[in-house]
Amino acid sequence: QVQLVESGGGLVQAGDSLRLSCAASGFTFSYYAVGWFRQAPGKHREYVAAITFSGLATSYADSVKGRFTISRDNAKNTAYLQMNSLEPEDTAIYYCACARDFSSRLIVAPGEYDHWGQGTQVTVSS
C-alpha cells in the first residue's frame, strides 16, 4: 500500500541542524512532486518547501529560505529536508506529501497533494 514515512526529527538547540527523510513506498515515487509542510500547536498546517518530480526545481517559504534545503533521490524513493540554523519558531510536526504531477509545477497548496506521511516532531529549544 501507499506509504510515506518521515524520520529524523528530534529535540535540538537553536542554531543546530537536522535532516528529515521521507521514505516512499507503494507507488512510483519518481512520478510525484514532493512537498514538506509543518504544523505547530494551535496553528494551521503551513507550506515549507517543494520539489518537482525531476528534482530540477525547488521552492521555499520565506520563513525558511536560505536555511532549509529540499532534495530527493528517486533511486532511493526518498526525499529530504535539510534544516540548518534552526530557530524555536521552527518547532512543529513536519509532514512530507506527494502529488502526481509531470508539469514541473512547484506545488504549495496542501489540497493538491495525494499522499501524506504521519509526521515527525521537530522541537527547537532556545
Foldseek 3Di string as FASTA:
>chain_A
DWAWAKDWADEEAAQAKIKIKIAIDDDQQLQKKKFKWWDDPPGDIFTAKIAGSNRPDMDGDPVQPPFWDWGDDSVRRMIMIIGGRDDQVPWTWMKMFIARDDPRDGDGDPVRTDDIHPTDTHGYHD
